[in-house]
Amino acid sequence: MANIQSGKAPIVTSSPEVLGGTPVFANTRVPIQTFIEYLEGGQTIDDFLEGFPTVSRDQVIAVLEEAKTRILAFAR
């Protein structure tokens, strides 16, 4: 099982027992890829949250913050 954590709490998990290891928002079965596809399709965070009520706004923001941190670290 792999986790990406923010502080002490995982924000993304991946386990063979959940969707075959697809990275998902922690404590849900909602793939991170689905969120990315929503954004790519021009939909908003609110649209995504409406469609996937098991994901919290805090989780979405944490995923975006983690992505930002990793991208900026890579660019240095």
PDB file of N, CA and C in Angstrom:
ATOM      1  N   MET A   1       0.844  -1.183   0.000  1.00  0.00           N
ATOM      2  CA  MET A   1       0.000   0.000   0.000  1.00  0.00           C
ATOM      3  C   MET A   1       0.887   1.243   0.000  1.00  0.00           C
ATOM      4  N   ALA A   2       0.617   2.158  -0.897  1.00  0.00           N
ATOM      5  CA  ALA A   2       1.371   3.408  -0.979  1.00  0.00           C
ATOM      6  C   ALA A   2       0.482   4.560  -0.535  1.00  0.00           C
ATOM      7  N   ASN A   3       1.091   5.531   0.113  1.00  0.00           N
ATOM      8  CA  ASN A   3       0.353   6.702   0.580  1.00  0.00           C
ATOM      9  C   ASN A   3       1.123   7.966   0.238  1.00  0.00           C
ATOM     10  N   ILE A   4       0.402   9.020  -0.058  1.00  0.00           N
ATOM     11  CA  ILE A   4       0.953  10.365  -0.100  1.00  0.00           C
ATOM     12  C   ILE A   4       0.293  11.082   1.053  1.00  0.00           C
ATOM     13  N   GLN A   5       1.122  11.663   1.931  1.00  0.00           N
ATOM     14  CA  GLN A   5       0.590  12.245   3.151  1.00  0.00           C
ATOM     15  C   GLN A   5       0.756  13.754   3.187  1.00  0.00           C
ATOM     16  N   SER A   6      -0.165  14.378   3.879  1.00  0.00           N
ATOM     17  CA  SER A   6      -0.095  15.796   4.198  1.00  0.00           C
ATOM     18  C   SER A   6      -0.070  15.870   5.712  1.00  0.00           C
ATOM     19  N   GLY A   7       1.080  16.205   6.268  1.00  0.00           N
ATOM     20  CA  GLY A   7       1.196  16.104   7.716  1.00  0.00           C
ATOM     21  C   GLY A   7       1.195  14.634   8.093  1.00  0.00           C
ATOM     22  N   LYS A   8       0.281  14.237   8.949  1.00  0.00           N
ATOM     23  CA  LYS A   8       0.209  12.844   9.387  1.00  0.00           C
ATOM     24  C   LYS A   8      -0.864  12.048   8.666  1.00  0.00           C
ATOM     25  N   ALA A   9      -1.814  12.736   8.061  1.00  0.00           N
ATOM     26  CA  ALA A   9      -2.941  12.042   7.432  1.00  0.00           C
ATOM     27  C   ALA A   9      -2.674  11.799   5.948  1.00  0.00           C
ATOM     28  N   PRO A  10      -2.945  10.590   5.462  1.00  0.00           N
ATOM     29  CA  PRO A  10      -2.784  10.339   4.028  1.00  0.00           C
ATOM     30  C   PRO A  10      -3.833  11.107   3.226  1.00  0.00           C
ATOM     31  N   ILE A  11      -3.423  11.618   2.061  1.00  0.00           N
ATOM     32  CA  ILE A  11      -4.378  12.289   1.172  1.00  0.00           C
ATOM     33  C   ILE A  11      -4.652  11.454  -0.068  1.00  0.00           C
ATOM     34  N   VAL A  12      -3.675  10.616  -0.429  1.00  0.00           N
ATOM     35  CA  VAL A  12      -3.835   9.700  -1.559  1.00  0.00           C
ATOM     36  C   VAL A  12      -3.350   8.336  -1.101  1.00  0.00           C
ATOM     37  N   THR A  13      -4.120   7.310  -1.426  1.00  0.00           N
ATOM     38  CA  THR A  13      -3.700   5.951  -1.103  1.00  0.00           C
ATOM     39  C   THR A  13      -3.783   5.085  -2.349  1.00  0.00           C
ATOM     40  N   SER A  14      -3.025   4.017  -2.320  1.00  0.00           N
ATOM     41  CA  SER A  14      -3.026   3.049  -3.405  1.00  0.00           C
ATOM     42  C   SER A  14      -2.827   1.675  -2.791  1.00  0.00           C
ATOM     43  N   SER A  15      -3.778   0.793  -3.066  1.00  0.00           N
ATOM     44  CA  SER A  15      -3.724  -0.553  -2.508  1.00  0.00           C
ATOM     45  C   SER A  15      -4.289  -1.531  -3.538  1.00  0.00           C
ATOM     46  N   PRO A  16      -3.685  -2.689  -3.679  1.00  0.00           N
ATOM     47  CA  PRO A  16      -4.218  -3.668  -4.623  1.00  0.00           C
ATOM     48  C   PRO A  16      -5.673  -4.052  -4.352  1.00  0.00           C
ATOM     49  N   GLU A  17      -6.105  -3.891  -3.099  1.00  0.00           N
ATOM     50  CA  GLU A  17      -7.474  -4.260  -2.735  1.00  0.00           C
ATOM     51  C   GLU A  17      -8.506  -3.192  -3.125  1.00  0.00           C
ATOM     52  N   VAL A  18      -8.048  -2.000  -3.477  1.00  0.00           N
ATOM     53  CA  VAL A  18      -8.970  -0.913  -3.845  1.00  0.00           C
ATOM     54  C   VAL A  18      -8.703  -0.526  -5.289  1.00  0.00           C
ATOM     55  N   LEU A  19      -9.634  -0.860  -6.161  1.00  0.00           N
ATOM     56  CA  LEU A  19      -9.545  -0.539  -7.583  1.00  0.00           C
ATOM     57  C   LEU A  19      -8.227  -0.978  -8.204  1.00  0.00           C
ATOM     58  N   GLY A  20      -7.734  -2.129  -7.754  1.00  0.00           N
ATOM     59  CA  GLY A  20      -6.532  -2.707  -8.341  1.00  0.00           C
ATOM     60  C   GLY A  20      -5.270  -1.872  -8.170  1.00  0.00           C
ATOM     61  N   GLY A  21      -5.225  -1.029  -7.145  1.00  0.00           N
ATOM     62  CA  GLY A  21      -4.035  -0.228  -6.891  1.00  0.00           C
ATOM     63  C   GLY A  21      -4.061   1.169  -7.486  1.00  0.00           C
ATOM     64  N   THR A  22      -5.187   1.538  -8.092  1.00  0.00           N
ATOM     65  CA  THR A  22      -5.332   2.888  -8.638  1.00  0.00           C
ATOM     66  C   THR A  22      -5.230   3.907  -7.505  1.00  0.00           C
ATOM     67  N   PRO A  23      -4.443   4.977  -7.671  1.00  0.00           N
ATOM     68  CA  PRO A  23      -4.393   6.005  -6.623  1.00  0.00           C
ATOM     69  C   PRO A  23      -5.763   6.662  -6.436  1.00  0.00           C
ATOM     70  N   VAL A  24      -6.211   6.696  -5.184  1.00  0.00           N
ATOM     71  CA  VAL A  24      -7.526   7.255  -4.853  1.00  0.00           C
ATOM     72  C   VAL A  24      -7.387   8.266  -3.725  1.00  0.00           C
ATOM     73  N   PHE A  25      -8.396   9.133  -3.588  1.00  0.00           N
ATOM     74  CA  PHE A  25      -8.459   9.995  -2.417  1.00  0.00           C
ATOM     75  C   PHE A  25      -8.576   9.083  -1.201  1.00  0.00           C
ATOM     76  N   ALA A  26      -7.816   9.375  -0.154  1.00  0.00           N
ATOM     77  CA  ALA A  26      -7.809   8.532   1.046  1.00  0.00           C
ATOM     78  C   ALA A  26      -9.220   8.328   1.584  1.00  0.00           C
ATOM     79  N   ASN A  27      -9.479   7.105   2.008  1.00  0.00           N
ATOM     80  CA  ASN A  27     -10.760   6.704   2.595  1.00  0.00           C
ATOM     81  C   ASN A  27     -11.936   6.802   1.629  1.00  0.00           C
ATOM     82  N   THR A  28     -11.644   6.754   0.325  1.00  0.00           N
ATOM     83  CA  THR A  28     -12.697   6.725  -0.690  1.00  0.00           C
ATOM     84  C   THR A  28     -12.301   5.704  -1.751  1.00  0.00           C
ATOM     85  N   ARG A  29     -13.148   5.548  -2.730  1.00  0.00           N
ATOM     86  CA  ARG A  29     -12.842   4.743  -3.908  1.00  0.00           C
ATOM     87  C   ARG A  29     -12.839   5.649  -5.141  1.00  0.00           C
ATOM     88  N   VAL A  30     -12.554   6.925  -4.942  1.00  0.00           N
ATOM     89  CA  VAL A  30     -12.581   7.901  -6.028  1.00  0.00           C
ATOM     90  C   VAL A  30     -11.151   8.117  -6.537  1.00  0.00           C
ATOM     91  N   PRO A  31     -10.888   7.729  -7.794  1.00  0.00           N
ATOM     92  CA  PRO A  31      -9.544   7.880  -8.356  1.00  0.00           C
ATOM     93  C   PRO A  31      -9.129   9.345  -8.515  1.00  0.00           C
ATOM     94  N   ILE A  32      -7.861   9.597  -8.256  1.00  0.00           N
ATOM     95  CA  ILE A  32      -7.292  10.924  -8.496  1.00  0.00           C
ATOM     96  C   ILE A  32      -7.428  11.267  -9.975  1.00  0.00           C
ATOM     97  N   GLN A  33      -7.260  10.281 -10.832  1.00  0.00           N
ATOM     98  CA  GLN A  33      -7.376  10.489 -12.283  1.00  0.00           C
ATOM     99  C   GLN A  33      -8.737  11.069 -12.657  1.00  0.00           C
ATOM    100  N   THR A  34      -9.778  10.658 -11.974  1.00  0.00           N
ATOM    101  CA  THR A  34     -11.117  11.190 -12.252  1.00  0.00           C
ATOM    102  C   THR A  34     -11.163  12.685 -11.980  1.00  0.00           C
ATOM    103  N   PHE A  35     -10.551  13.112 -10.875  1.00  0.00           N
ATOM    104  CA  PHE A  35     -10.488  14.539 -10.553  1.00  0.00           C
ATOM    105  C   PHE A  35      -9.736  15.297 -11.650  1.00  0.00           C
ATOM    106  N   ILE A  36      -8.601  14.771 -12.053  1.00  0.00           N
ATOM    107  CA  ILE A  36      -7.811  15.421 -13.103  1.00  0.00           C
ATOM    108  C   ILE A  36      -8.615  15.534 -14.396  1.00  0.00           C
ATOM    109  N   GLU A  37      -9.339  14.478 -14.738  1.00  0.00           N
ATOM    110  CA  GLU A  37     -10.158  14.506 -15.954  1.00  0.00           C
ATOM    111  C   GLU A  37     -11.275  15.540 -15.862  1.00  0.00           C
ATOM    112  N   TYR A  38     -11.843  15.723 -14.695  1.00  0.00           N
ATOM    113  CA  TYR A  38     -12.840  16.780 -14.505  1.00  0.00           C
ATOM    114  C   TYR A  38     -12.225  18.139 -14.825  1.00  0.00           C
ATOM    115  N   LEU A  39     -11.042  18.403 -14.270  1.00  0.00           N
ATOM    116  CA  LEU A  39     -10.382  19.686 -14.506  1.00  0.00           C
ATOM    117  C   LEU A  39     -10.006  19.842 -15.981  1.00  0.00           C
ATOM    118  N   GLU A  40      -9.487  18.789 -16.586  1.00  0.00           N
ATOM    119  CA  GLU A  40      -9.122  18.838 -18.001  1.00  0.00           C
ATOM    120  C   GLU A  40     -10.335  19.120 -18.883  1.00  0.00           C
ATOM    121  N   GLY A  41     -11.487  18.649 -18.454  1.00  0.00           N
ATOM    122  CA  GLY A  41     -12.720  18.845 -19.214  1.00  0.00           C
ATOM    123  C   GLY A  41     -13.359  20.205 -18.985  1.00  0.00           C
ATOM    124  N   GLY A  42     -12.717  21.046 -18.183  1.00  0.00           N
ATOM    125  CA  GLY A  42     -13.226  22.387 -17.951  1.00  0.00           C
ATOM    126  C   GLY A  42     -14.224  22.493 -16.814  1.00  0.00           C
ATOM    127  N   GLN A  43     -14.392  21.406 -16.076  1.00  0.00           N
ATOM    128  CA  GLN A  43     -15.311  21.445 -14.944  1.00  0.00           C
ATOM    129  C   GLN A  43     -14.589  21.996 -13.720  1.00  0.00           C
ATOM    130  N   THR A  44     -15.355  22.440 -12.769  1.00  0.00           N
ATOM    131  CA  THR A  44     -14.791  23.065 -11.578  1.00  0.00           C
ATOM    132  C   THR A  44     -14.623  22.060 -10.446  1.00  0.00           C
ATOM    133  N   ILE A  45     -13.920  22.503  -9.418  1.00  0.00           N
ATOM    134  CA  ILE A  45     -13.800  21.695  -8.200  1.00  0.00           C
ATOM    135  C   ILE A  45     -15.187  21.445  -7.622  1.00  0.00           C
ATOM    136  N   ASP A  46     -16.030  22.465  -7.632  1.00  0.00           N
ATOM    137  CA  ASP A  46     -17.392  22.283  -7.111  1.00  0.00           C
ATOM    138  C   ASP A  46     -18.164  21.235  -7.904  1.00  0.00           C
ATOM    139  N   ASP A  47     -17.994  21.218  -9.234  1.00  0.00           N
ATOM    140  CA  ASP A  47     -18.643  20.183 -10.051  1.00  0.00           C
ATOM    141  C   ASP A  47     -18.188  18.800  -9.602  1.00  0.00           C
ATOM    142  N   PHE A  48     -16.881  18.663  -9.409  1.00  0.00           N
ATOM    143  CA  PHE A  48     -16.324  17.380  -8.979  1.00  0.00           C
ATOM    144  C   PHE A  48     -16.882  16.970  -7.625  1.00  0.00           C
ATOM    145  N   LEU A  49     -16.868  17.897  -6.673  1.00  0.00           N
ATOM    146  CA  LEU A  49     -17.352  17.586  -5.327  1.00  0.00           C
ATOM    147  C   LEU A  49     -18.828  17.231  -5.317  1.00  0.00           C
ATOM    148  N   GLU A  50     -19.592  17.853  -6.188  1.00  0.00           N
ATOM    149  CA  GLU A  50     -21.018  17.520  -6.293  1.00  0.00           C
ATOM    150  C   GLU A  50     -21.197  16.094  -6.793  1.00  0.00           C
ATOM    151  N   GLY A  51     -20.350  15.686  -7.729  1.00  0.00           N
ATOM    152  CA  GLY A  51     -20.447  14.335  -8.285  1.00  0.00           C
ATOM    153  C   GLY A  51     -19.861  13.259  -7.389  1.00  0.00           C
ATOM    154  N   PHE A  52     -18.972  13.659  -6.486  1.00  0.00           N
ATOM    155  CA  PHE A  52     -18.286  12.695  -5.623  1.00  0.00           C
ATOM    156  C   PHE A  52     -18.312  13.195  -4.177  1.00  0.00           C
ATOM    157  N   PRO A  53     -19.458  13.085  -3.522  1.00  0.00           N
ATOM    158  CA  PRO A  53     -19.613  13.642  -2.181  1.00  0.00           C
ATOM    159  C   PRO A  53     -18.767  12.974  -1.096  1.00  0.00           C
ATOM    160  N   THR A  54     -18.146  11.838  -1.396  1.00  0.00           N
ATOM    161  CA  THR A  54     -17.279  11.212  -0.393  1.00  0.00           C
ATOM    162  C   THR A  54     -15.913  11.892  -0.314  1.00  0.00           C
ATOM    163  N   VAL A  55     -15.625  12.763  -1.279  1.00  0.00           N
ATOM    164  CA  VAL A  55     -14.372  13.520  -1.280  1.00  0.00           C
ATOM    165  C   VAL A  55     -14.655  14.902  -0.700  1.00  0.00           C
ATOM    166  N   SER A  56     -13.788  15.359   0.188  1.00  0.00           N
ATOM    167  CA  SER A  56     -13.972  16.684   0.787  1.00  0.00           C
ATOM    168  C   SER A  56     -13.167  17.740   0.029  1.00  0.00           C
ATOM    169  N   ARG A  57     -13.583  18.977   0.182  1.00  0.00           N
ATOM    170  CA  ARG A  57     -12.841  20.093  -0.416  1.00  0.00           C
ATOM    171  C   ARG A  57     -11.406  20.110   0.131  1.00  0.00           C
ATOM    172  N   ASP A  58     -11.241  19.818   1.411  1.00  0.00           N
ATOM    173  CA  ASP A  58      -9.899  19.785   2.002  1.00  0.00           C
ATOM    174  C   ASP A  58      -9.013  18.751   1.316  1.00  0.00           C
ATOM    175  N   GLN A  59      -9.589  17.599   0.962  1.00  0.00           N
ATOM    176  CA  GLN A  59      -8.814  16.572   0.264  1.00  0.00           C
ATOM    177  C   GLN A  59      -8.378  17.067  -1.112  1.00  0.00           C
ATOM    178  N   VAL A  60      -9.279  17.704  -1.831  1.00  0.00           N
ATOM    179  CA  VAL A  60      -8.964  18.215  -3.164  1.00  0.00           C
ATOM    180  C   VAL A  60      -7.853  19.261  -3.076  1.00  0.00           C
ATOM    181  N   ILE A  61      -7.979  20.178  -2.140  1.00  0.00           N
ATOM    182  CA  ILE A  61      -6.964  21.220  -1.972  1.00  0.00           C
ATOM    183  C   ILE A  61      -5.628  20.605  -1.582  1.00  0.00           C
ATOM    184  N   ALA A  62      -5.644  19.599  -0.726  1.00  0.00           N
ATOM    185  CA  ALA A  62      -4.403  18.935  -0.316  1.00  0.00           C
ATOM    186  C   ALA A  62      -3.721  18.260  -1.503  1.00  0.00           C
ATOM    187  N   VAL A  63      -4.497  17.641  -2.389  1.00  0.00           N
ATOM    188  CA  VAL A  63      -3.934  17.012  -3.586  1.00  0.00           C
ATOM    189  C   VAL A  63      -3.310  18.075  -4.484  1.00  0.00           C
ATOM    190  N   LEU A  64      -4.004  19.182  -4.681  1.00  0.00           N
ATOM    191  CA  LEU A  64      -3.461  20.256  -5.515  1.00  0.00           C
ATOM    192  C   LEU A  64      -2.199  20.863  -4.893  1.00  0.00           C
ATOM    193  N   GLU A  65      -2.195  21.042  -3.587  1.00  0.00           N
ATOM    194  CA  GLU A  65      -1.021  21.581  -2.901  1.00  0.00           C
ATOM    195  C   GLU A  65       0.167  20.627  -3.033  1.00  0.00           C
ATOM    196  N   GLU A  66      -0.087  19.335  -2.890  1.00  0.00           N
ATOM    197  CA  GLU A  66       0.978  18.345  -3.033  1.00  0.00           C
ATOM    198  C   GLU A  66       1.534  18.352  -4.453  1.00  0.00           C
ATOM    199  N   ALA A  67       0.662  18.427  -5.435  1.00  0.00           N
ATOM    200  CA  ALA A  67       1.104  18.493  -6.834  1.00  0.00           C
ATOM    201  C   ALA A  67       1.948  19.749  -7.062  1.00  0.00           C
ATOM    202  N   LYS A  68       1.507  20.877  -6.530  1.00  0.00           N
ATOM    203  CA  LYS A  68       2.247  22.125  -6.677  1.00  0.00           C
ATOM    204  C   LYS A  68       3.634  21.998  -6.051  1.00  0.00           C
ATOM    205  N   THR A  69       3.686  21.460  -4.848  1.00  0.00           N
ATOM    206  CA  THR A  69       4.972  21.298  -4.148  1.00  0.00           C
ATOM    207  C   THR A  69       5.935  20.434  -4.952  1.00  0.00           C
ATOM    208  N   ARG A  70       5.424  19.328  -5.463  1.00  0.00           N
ATOM    209  CA  ARG A  70       6.287  18.405  -6.224  1.00  0.00           C
ATOM    210  C   ARG A  70       6.740  19.015  -7.540  1.00  0.00           C
ATOM    211  N   ILE A  71       5.862  19.725  -8.220  1.00  0.00           N
ATOM    212  CA  ILE A  71       6.231  20.352  -9.486  1.00  0.00           C
ATOM    213  C   ILE A  71       7.275  21.448  -9.259  1.00  0.00           C
ATOM    214  N   LEU A  72       7.057  22.277  -8.255  1.00  0.00           N
ATOM    215  CA  LEU A  72       8.014  23.352  -7.980  1.00  0.00           C
ATOM    216  C   LEU A  72       9.362  22.810  -7.521  1.00  0.00           C
ATOM    217  N   ALA A  73       9.369  21.723  -6.764  1.00  0.00           N
ATOM    218  CA  ALA A  73      10.624  21.097  -6.330  1.00  0.00           C
ATOM    219  C   ALA A  73      11.368  20.523  -7.530  1.00  0.00           C
ATOM    220  N   PHE A  74      10.647  19.959  -8.467  1.00  0.00           N
ATOM    221  CA  PHE A  74      11.256  19.371  -9.668  1.00  0.00           C
ATOM    222  C   PHE A  74      11.861  20.450 -10.548  1.00  0.00           C
ATOM    223  N   ALA A  75      11.223  21.613 -10.585  1.00  0.00           N
ATOM    224  CA  ALA A  75      11.657  22.701 -11.460  1.00  0.00           C
ATOM    225  C   ALA A  75      12.919  23.387 -10.948  1.00  0.00           C
ATOM    226  N   ARG A  76      13.309  23.127  -9.722  1.00  0.00           N
ATOM    227  CA  ARG A  76      14.508  23.793  -9.153  1.00  0.00           C
ATOM    228  C   ARG A  76      15.770  23.093  -9.478  1.00  0.00           C
TER     229      ARG A  76
END
